[in-house]
Amino acid sequence: MTKDKKEKVGTFLGVPYDWRKPNKARFLLRVWNPQARFINPRWWGWGYDVNVYAIIHPIKWHKNRARI
């Protein structure tokens, strides 16, 4: 793959990466989301992020997950 055609989102050795320009919407979707999983792909970079909403509001998060 040429340098111009590199994928900005994908996985490498089973670990997700996202090299798109960071933005607030993607940050909130991955790090502060009542409906998201506890562990999410990083909003920018390589690896995983923790859904902080699930730590601060565990009961609300669990109820929101039960509705899905």
Foldseek 3Di string as FASTA:
>chain_A
DDPVPDDQWDDDPRKTAHAPDADDVLCCVFAADLQDDQWAHDSHGIHIDGNVNCVVPVVSSVVNPVVD
